[in-house]
Amino acid sequence: MDEIEILLKQLTQAGGIPGHETEVRGLIQKHLGSLGEVTHDRLGSVICRKSGEAAEPRIMLAAHMDEIGFVVSHITKEGFIRFASVGGWWDQVLLAQRVVIKTAKGDVTGIIGARSPHLLSDEERRKLVERKDMYIDIGASSAEEVDKAGVRIADPVLPVSEFTILANGKTYLSKAFDDRGGCAVLLTVMRRLRDTAHANTLFAVATVQEEVGLRGARTSVRVVDPDVAIVLEGTAVSDVPGQSDDSHQVLRLGRGPIVTFYRGDMIPNHKLRDLLVDTAERGDVPVQIRADDRVRGGTDGAAIHLHGSGVPTIVVSLPVRYVHSHGGIMHRTDFDAEVELLVRLVQRLDQKAVSDLTAW
């Protein structure tokens, strides 16, 4: 593994569902410690300030550190564990997946189960199993055994998914690329700019609790008070069987990061968008454009761009297949292109360029 692959493995394998980001936060803090002055907001978002050649403008790069997961909601007398979703899960991807329960006594491995199809009627077998009918099985036969293992109500539960380099050597499989891929971009951009001039002050922010309502974005943006924000995300692509059609652009792995031109939760600043695209063209960096009202969910940009009297904001995303599941796939070409694009863009965001973004 090279340096980037090691970083991606570290970040994706760390635990950190919303409100339980301690493990991944410690890792990100360690990486940022040598790159700038590290502080926090009161929810636990990590904020790293790197001074450039000018105090202003203030540039915020934001990626969320939390991942979707579950919490223990009930333990039956037979020793089965009911669970609640934390973040947006699709029920169809849950069954027969391994999970780990993070307890005070240590990690407890289990599997998500439901009634066996061999025990169902023909009519029942034709129906999709809903999460409310699933449970986590840790091999216990009583509530007492579950208690002895250390499992308690509200303990966080994470998918088990090993970071794997796939056959072509350029694609990676893991959980939590949304948004640990963005966090890895954030850290890599900061490393690239460590000894590079930029006529602004740069804030690298790893936010908490994005998956449950953009909460860390709302608090950290008040601390940073940025003049410009660039949100780094992981987003779904449509280069899979049965997805593409003539009415929408097909977004693919390996074709560059995705620049969002329109979302229901945020319309990006047009001039910032154009500056980013121009930067990509000048540097021969591949990008893909998304303007699609079918995109669901929200990003930290929805909260950040409404801060104060408004913050020119844009969202740049790593393409990820099977986002919000136990295993997503991302492409190294997209990662490298996004890092190069952001390094070049930050260097162009001087006071004049930023003032022009809101020169109506």
Protein backbone atom coordinates (compact mmCIF):
# COMPACT_ATOMS: atom_id res chain seq x y z
CA MET A 1 0.00 0.00 0.00
CA ASP A 2 1.13 3.54 -0.69
CA GLU A 3 0.60 6.52 1.63
CA ILE A 4 -2.90 7.32 0.34
CA GLU A 5 -4.10 3.73 0.58
CA ILE A 6 -2.80 3.48 4.15
CA LEU A 7 -4.64 6.70 5.01
CA LEU A 8 -7.88 5.48 3.44
CA LYS A 9 -7.61 2.19 5.31
CA GLN A 10 -7.00 3.93 8.63
CA LEU A 11 -9.92 6.31 8.19
CA THR A 12 -12.47 3.81 6.89
CA GLN A 13 -11.69 1.15 9.48
CA ALA A 14 -12.01 3.61 12.38
CA GLY A 15 -15.38 3.73 14.09
CA GLY A 16 -17.50 6.85 14.24
CA ILE A 17 -21.28 6.85 13.94
CA PRO A 18 -22.98 10.20 14.70
CA GLY A 19 -22.40 11.19 18.31
CA HIS A 20 -19.72 8.50 18.75
CA GLU A 21 -16.88 9.90 16.62
CA THR A 22 -14.16 9.56 19.29
CA GLU A 23 -12.04 6.99 17.44
CA VAL A 24 -12.00 8.64 14.03
CA ARG A 25 -11.69 12.12 15.58
CA GLY A 26 -8.50 11.08 17.39
CA LEU A 27 -7.05 9.79 14.13
CA ILE A 28 -7.88 12.97 12.20
CA GLN A 29 -6.50 15.16 14.99
CA LYS A 30 -3.25 13.22 14.90
CA HIS A 31 -2.86 13.82 11.17
CA LEU A 32 -3.77 17.51 11.41
CA GLY A 33 -1.56 18.22 14.43
CA SER A 34 1.53 18.97 12.36
CA LEU A 35 -0.36 20.94 9.71
CA GLY A 36 -1.84 23.83 11.66
CA GLU A 37 -3.48 24.99 14.88
CA VAL A 38 -6.12 22.45 15.93
CA THR A 39 -9.25 23.42 17.88
CA HIS A 40 -12.82 22.12 18.18
CA ASP A 41 -16.39 23.24 18.36
CA ARG A 42 -18.47 22.06 21.32
CA LEU A 43 -20.00 19.13 19.42
CA GLY A 44 -16.57 17.71 18.66
CA SER A 45 -15.86 18.82 15.10
CA VAL A 46 -12.12 19.21 14.43
CA ILE A 47 -10.93 22.57 13.08
CA CYS A 48 -7.39 23.07 11.79
CA ARG A 49 -6.27 26.61 10.94
CA LYS A 50 -3.36 27.10 8.52
CA SER A 51 -2.24 30.68 8.04
CA GLY A 52 -1.18 31.74 4.58
CA GLU A 53 0.20 35.00 3.20
CA ALA A 54 -2.95 36.92 4.17
CA ALA A 55 -5.36 36.77 7.10
CA GLU A 56 -8.31 37.06 4.72
CA PRO A 57 -10.19 35.64 2.98
CA ARG A 58 -11.03 32.72 5.27
CA ILE A 59 -11.45 29.49 3.29
CA MET A 60 -13.29 26.54 4.83
CA LEU A 61 -12.75 23.01 3.52
CA ALA A 62 -15.28 20.72 5.22
CA ALA A 63 -15.70 16.93 5.24
CA HIS A 64 -17.83 15.02 7.72
CA MET A 65 -16.17 12.32 9.83
CA ASP A 66 -19.28 10.43 10.95
CA GLU A 67 -20.60 7.32 9.20
CA ILE A 68 -24.01 5.69 9.17
CA GLY A 69 -24.55 2.88 11.66
CA PHE A 70 -26.92 1.65 14.34
CA VAL A 71 -27.51 1.66 18.09
CA VAL A 72 -28.78 -1.11 20.34
CA SER A 73 -32.45 -0.38 21.08
CA HIS A 74 -33.69 -3.52 22.87
CA ILE A 75 -32.45 -6.90 24.10
CA THR A 76 -34.96 -9.76 24.08
CA LYS A 77 -35.14 -12.36 26.83
CA GLU A 78 -33.89 -14.91 24.26
CA GLY A 79 -30.72 -12.90 23.69
CA PHE A 80 -31.47 -11.23 20.36
CA ILE A 81 -30.62 -7.55 19.92
CA ARG A 82 -32.97 -5.09 18.28
CA PHE A 83 -31.37 -2.03 16.73
CA ALA A 84 -32.21 1.45 15.46
CA SER A 85 -30.67 3.08 12.40
CA VAL A 86 -28.44 6.12 12.80
CA GLY A 87 -28.34 7.72 9.36
CA GLY A 88 -29.96 6.62 6.13
CA TRP A 89 -29.93 2.85 5.54
CA TRP A 90 -31.71 0.91 2.80
CA ASP A 91 -33.28 -2.13 4.48
CA GLN A 92 -32.43 -4.43 1.58
CA VAL A 93 -28.66 -4.19 2.23
CA LEU A 94 -28.81 -5.22 5.89
CA LEU A 95 -29.64 -8.92 6.11
CA ALA A 96 -26.79 -11.41 6.73
CA GLN A 97 -24.25 -8.61 7.20
CA ARG A 98 -21.68 -8.74 10.00
CA VAL A 99 -21.61 -5.93 12.53
CA VAL A 100 -19.56 -5.04 15.58
CA ILE A 101 -21.10 -3.65 18.76
CA LYS A 102 -18.80 -1.19 20.53
CA THR A 103 -19.21 -1.92 24.24
CA ALA A 104 -17.45 -0.74 27.39
CA LYS A 105 -15.88 -4.20 27.61
CA GLY A 106 -14.70 -4.23 24.00
CA ASP A 107 -15.98 -5.17 20.55
CA VAL A 108 -18.72 -7.80 20.19
CA THR A 109 -19.26 -9.32 16.75
CA GLY A 110 -22.71 -10.27 15.48
CA ILE A 111 -24.74 -10.76 12.34
CA ILE A 112 -28.01 -9.16 11.23
CA GLY A 113 -30.65 -11.85 10.96
CA ALA A 114 -34.36 -12.43 10.46
CA ARG A 115 -36.66 -15.43 10.25
CA SER A 116 -35.25 -18.09 7.93
CA PRO A 117 -36.91 -18.28 4.47
CA HIS A 118 -37.33 -22.02 5.12
CA LEU A 119 -39.84 -21.15 7.84
CA LEU A 120 -41.87 -18.66 5.81
CA SER A 121 -44.99 -19.14 3.75
CA ASP A 122 -44.80 -18.56 -0.01
CA GLU A 123 -46.55 -15.21 0.44
CA GLU A 124 -44.15 -14.14 3.19
CA ARG A 125 -41.11 -15.08 1.10
CA ARG A 126 -42.22 -12.73 -1.69
CA LYS A 127 -42.18 -9.73 0.65
CA LEU A 128 -39.10 -7.66 1.45
CA VAL A 129 -37.93 -7.97 5.03
CA GLU A 130 -38.13 -4.65 6.87
CA ARG A 131 -35.58 -3.50 9.43
CA LYS A 132 -38.17 -3.70 12.22
CA ASP A 133 -38.26 -7.46 11.68
CA MET A 134 -34.47 -7.86 11.86
CA TYR A 135 -32.21 -8.33 14.85
CA ILE A 136 -28.53 -8.76 15.69
CA ASP A 137 -27.46 -12.26 16.72
CA ILE A 138 -24.24 -12.52 18.76
CA GLY A 139 -24.69 -16.24 19.38
CA ALA A 140 -26.32 -15.75 22.77
CA SER A 141 -29.30 -17.73 24.06
CA SER A 142 -30.47 -15.37 26.79
CA ALA A 143 -30.48 -11.73 27.84
CA GLU A 144 -28.10 -12.70 30.63
CA GLU A 145 -25.50 -13.89 28.10
CA VAL A 146 -25.83 -10.61 26.19
CA ASP A 147 -25.34 -8.70 29.43
CA LYS A 148 -22.29 -10.79 30.29
CA ALA A 149 -20.80 -9.92 26.88
CA GLY A 150 -21.09 -6.25 27.84
CA VAL A 151 -23.82 -5.14 25.46
CA ARG A 152 -25.99 -2.29 26.73
CA ILE A 153 -28.89 -0.25 25.36
CA ALA A 154 -27.64 2.62 23.12
CA ASP A 155 -24.26 1.00 22.40
CA PRO A 156 -23.10 1.98 18.88
CA VAL A 157 -23.08 -0.66 16.15
CA LEU A 158 -20.88 -0.55 13.04
CA PRO A 159 -20.71 -2.55 9.80
CA VAL A 160 -17.80 -4.96 9.46
CA SER A 161 -16.12 -4.28 6.12
CA GLU A 162 -12.39 -4.66 5.53
CA PHE A 163 -10.63 -2.09 3.35
CA THR A 164 -9.64 -4.00 0.19
CA ILE A 165 -7.71 -3.04 -2.94
CA LEU A 166 -9.61 -4.63 -5.82
CA ALA A 167 -8.34 -6.52 -8.86
CA ASN A 168 -7.30 -3.61 -11.08
CA GLY A 169 -5.30 -1.98 -8.28
CA LYS A 170 -7.07 1.35 -8.77
CA THR A 171 -10.39 0.72 -7.02
CA TYR A 172 -11.01 0.26 -3.32
CA LEU A 173 -13.79 -1.49 -1.40
CA SER A 174 -14.74 -0.47 2.13
CA LYS A 175 -17.41 0.92 4.40
CA ALA A 176 -17.66 4.63 5.18
CA PHE A 177 -16.24 6.19 2.01
CA ASP A 178 -19.09 8.63 2.71
CA ASP A 179 -17.32 10.58 3.98
CA ARG A 180 -13.97 9.17 5.06
CA GLY A 181 -12.92 9.51 1.43
CA GLY A 182 -13.62 13.23 1.77
CA CYS A 183 -11.68 13.30 5.05
CA ALA A 184 -8.70 11.69 3.29
CA VAL A 185 -8.91 14.34 0.56
CA LEU A 186 -9.02 17.03 3.24
CA LEU A 187 -5.89 15.72 4.97
CA THR A 188 -4.02 15.23 1.69
CA VAL A 189 -4.80 18.76 0.49
CA MET A 190 -3.52 20.14 3.79
CA ARG A 191 -0.30 18.13 3.41
CA ARG A 192 0.16 19.39 -0.14
CA LEU A 193 -0.27 23.00 1.02
CA ARG A 194 1.94 22.68 4.10
CA ASP A 195 4.90 24.35 2.40
CA THR A 196 3.00 26.06 -0.42
CA ALA A 197 2.03 29.74 -0.60
CA HIS A 198 -1.65 30.70 -0.55
CA ALA A 199 -3.01 34.23 -0.14
CA ASN A 200 -5.67 33.35 2.43
CA THR A 201 -6.21 31.59 5.74
CA LEU A 202 -7.26 27.98 5.33
CA PHE A 203 -9.48 26.03 7.72
CA ALA A 204 -9.71 22.25 7.37
CA VAL A 205 -12.82 21.08 9.21
CA ALA A 206 -13.88 17.50 9.95
CA THR A 207 -17.50 17.81 11.05
CA VAL A 208 -19.57 15.54 13.27
CA GLN A 209 -23.17 14.35 13.00
CA GLU A 210 -23.69 15.18 9.33
CA GLU A 211 -25.72 12.02 8.75
CA VAL A 212 -28.35 13.05 11.31
CA GLY A 213 -28.96 16.65 10.30
CA LEU A 214 -25.74 18.51 9.38
CA ARG A 215 -25.23 19.36 13.06
CA GLY A 216 -21.45 19.72 13.15
CA ALA A 217 -21.57 21.96 10.09
CA ARG A 218 -23.98 24.32 11.85
CA THR A 219 -21.69 24.71 14.87
CA SER A 220 -18.24 24.64 13.24
CA VAL A 221 -19.13 27.26 10.64
CA ARG A 222 -19.81 29.69 13.49
CA VAL A 223 -16.31 29.10 14.79
CA VAL A 224 -14.64 29.51 11.39
CA ASP A 225 -16.88 32.31 10.03
CA PRO A 226 -15.66 31.65 6.47
CA ASP A 227 -15.73 33.85 3.40
CA VAL A 228 -15.84 30.79 1.12
CA ALA A 229 -16.65 27.13 1.76
CA ILE A 230 -15.86 23.99 -0.22
CA VAL A 231 -17.65 20.88 0.99
CA LEU A 232 -16.01 17.51 0.29
CA GLU A 233 -18.43 14.61 0.00
CA GLY A 234 -18.91 11.06 -1.23
CA THR A 235 -21.82 10.60 -3.61
CA ALA A 236 -23.63 7.92 -5.58
CA VAL A 237 -22.85 7.21 -9.24
CA SER A 238 -25.04 5.77 -11.98
CA ASP A 239 -22.57 3.58 -13.93
CA VAL A 240 -24.28 0.32 -12.94
CA PRO A 241 -26.65 -2.02 -14.83
CA GLY A 242 -30.22 -0.80 -15.05
CA GLN A 243 -29.45 2.75 -13.93
CA SER A 244 -28.52 4.77 -17.03
CA ASP A 245 -31.01 6.27 -19.47
CA ASP A 246 -31.02 9.02 -22.08
CA SER A 247 -32.66 11.62 -19.82
CA HIS A 248 -29.81 11.94 -17.31
CA GLN A 249 -26.04 12.11 -17.43
CA VAL A 250 -24.26 8.92 -16.40
CA LEU A 251 -21.74 9.67 -13.64
CA ARG A 252 -18.91 7.13 -13.51
CA LEU A 253 -16.02 5.95 -11.40
CA GLY A 254 -12.64 7.03 -12.72
CA ARG A 255 -13.88 10.10 -14.61
CA GLY A 256 -13.00 12.66 -11.94
CA PRO A 257 -14.73 14.24 -8.93
CA ILE A 258 -18.33 15.35 -9.22
CA VAL A 259 -19.14 19.06 -9.05
CA THR A 260 -22.76 19.68 -8.09
CA PHE A 261 -24.43 22.47 -10.06
CA TYR A 262 -27.85 22.05 -8.45
CA ARG A 263 -29.31 20.30 -5.43
CA GLY A 264 -32.61 20.70 -3.66
CA ASP A 265 -30.84 21.67 -0.44
CA MET A 266 -28.32 24.14 -1.88
CA ILE A 267 -27.71 26.06 -5.09
CA PRO A 268 -23.94 26.65 -5.30
CA ASN A 269 -22.46 30.08 -5.83
CA HIS A 270 -22.29 30.33 -9.63
CA LYS A 271 -19.08 32.31 -9.78
CA LEU A 272 -17.32 29.92 -7.40
CA ARG A 273 -18.59 27.04 -9.48
CA ASP A 274 -17.25 28.64 -12.66
CA LEU A 275 -13.90 29.37 -11.00
CA LEU A 276 -13.61 25.73 -9.97
CA VAL A 277 -14.43 24.48 -13.47
CA ASP A 278 -11.97 26.96 -15.00
CA THR A 279 -9.32 25.74 -12.56
CA ALA A 280 -9.98 22.17 -13.65
CA GLU A 281 -9.70 23.09 -17.33
CA ARG A 282 -6.47 25.03 -16.82
CA GLY A 283 -4.90 22.14 -14.94
CA ASP A 284 -6.33 19.45 -17.25
CA VAL A 285 -8.06 17.91 -14.23
CA PRO A 286 -11.09 15.75 -15.10
CA VAL A 287 -14.40 16.67 -13.45
CA GLN A 288 -17.99 15.50 -13.83
CA ILE A 289 -20.99 17.81 -13.55
CA ARG A 290 -24.18 16.96 -11.68
CA ALA A 291 -27.40 18.93 -11.87
CA ASP A 292 -30.06 16.42 -10.93
CA ASP A 293 -33.18 16.91 -8.84
CA ARG A 294 -33.32 13.15 -8.21
CA VAL A 295 -30.37 13.33 -5.81
CA ARG A 296 -31.58 12.61 -2.27
CA GLY A 297 -30.08 13.51 1.06
CA GLY A 298 -28.24 16.62 2.11
CA THR A 299 -24.68 17.83 2.58
CA ASP A 300 -22.95 20.11 5.06
CA GLY A 301 -23.15 22.77 2.36
CA ALA A 302 -26.86 23.20 3.07
CA ALA A 303 -26.05 24.48 6.55
CA ILE A 304 -22.79 26.27 5.78
CA HIS A 305 -24.02 28.40 2.88
CA LEU A 306 -26.71 29.98 5.09
CA HIS A 307 -24.31 31.07 7.82
CA GLY A 308 -24.38 34.77 8.70
CA SER A 309 -25.34 36.81 5.67
CA GLY A 310 -24.43 33.89 3.38
CA VAL A 311 -21.27 32.00 2.39
CA PRO A 312 -20.34 31.27 -1.25
CA THR A 313 -20.27 27.47 -1.18
CA ILE A 314 -19.77 24.56 -3.55
CA VAL A 315 -19.85 20.78 -3.10
CA VAL A 316 -17.18 18.56 -4.66
CA SER A 317 -17.71 14.82 -4.28
CA LEU A 318 -15.84 11.57 -4.74
CA PRO A 319 -17.91 9.14 -6.84
CA VAL A 320 -18.81 6.04 -4.81
CA ARG A 321 -20.75 2.97 -5.90
CA TYR A 322 -23.12 1.49 -3.29
CA VAL A 323 -22.91 4.49 -0.98
CA HIS A 324 -24.73 4.03 2.35
CA SER A 325 -24.14 0.30 2.54
CA HIS A 326 -21.66 -2.08 4.16
CA GLY A 327 -19.32 -1.75 1.18
CA GLY A 328 -18.73 1.10 -1.27
CA ILE A 329 -16.29 1.24 -4.19
CA MET A 330 -14.21 4.31 -5.07
CA HIS A 331 -11.51 4.96 -7.69
CA ARG A 332 -8.01 6.29 -7.03
CA THR A 333 -8.06 8.44 -10.18
CA ASP A 334 -10.99 10.41 -8.77
CA PHE A 335 -9.21 10.89 -5.47
CA ASP A 336 -5.99 12.17 -7.02
CA ALA A 337 -7.89 14.47 -9.38
CA GLU A 338 -9.91 16.00 -6.53
CA VAL A 339 -6.79 16.68 -4.47
CA GLU A 340 -5.07 18.35 -7.42
CA LEU A 341 -8.16 20.43 -8.19
CA LEU A 342 -8.58 21.68 -4.62
CA VAL A 343 -4.90 22.56 -4.19
CA ARG A 344 -5.05 24.67 -7.35
CA LEU A 345 -8.35 26.28 -6.37
CA VAL A 346 -7.22 27.27 -2.86
CA GLN A 347 -4.18 28.99 -4.39
CA ARG A 348 -6.48 31.11 -6.58
CA LEU A 349 -8.77 32.24 -3.76
CA ASP A 350 -7.15 35.54 -2.85
CA GLN A 351 -9.06 38.60 -1.62
CA LYS A 352 -9.94 39.87 -5.09
CA ALA A 353 -11.17 36.50 -6.32
CA VAL A 354 -13.34 36.03 -3.25
CA SER A 355 -14.71 39.59 -3.38
CA ASP A 356 -15.72 38.97 -6.98
CA LEU A 357 -17.88 35.98 -5.94
CA THR A 358 -20.46 38.31 -4.40
CA ALA A 359 -19.99 41.36 -6.64
CA TRP A 360 -23.59 41.38 -7.79
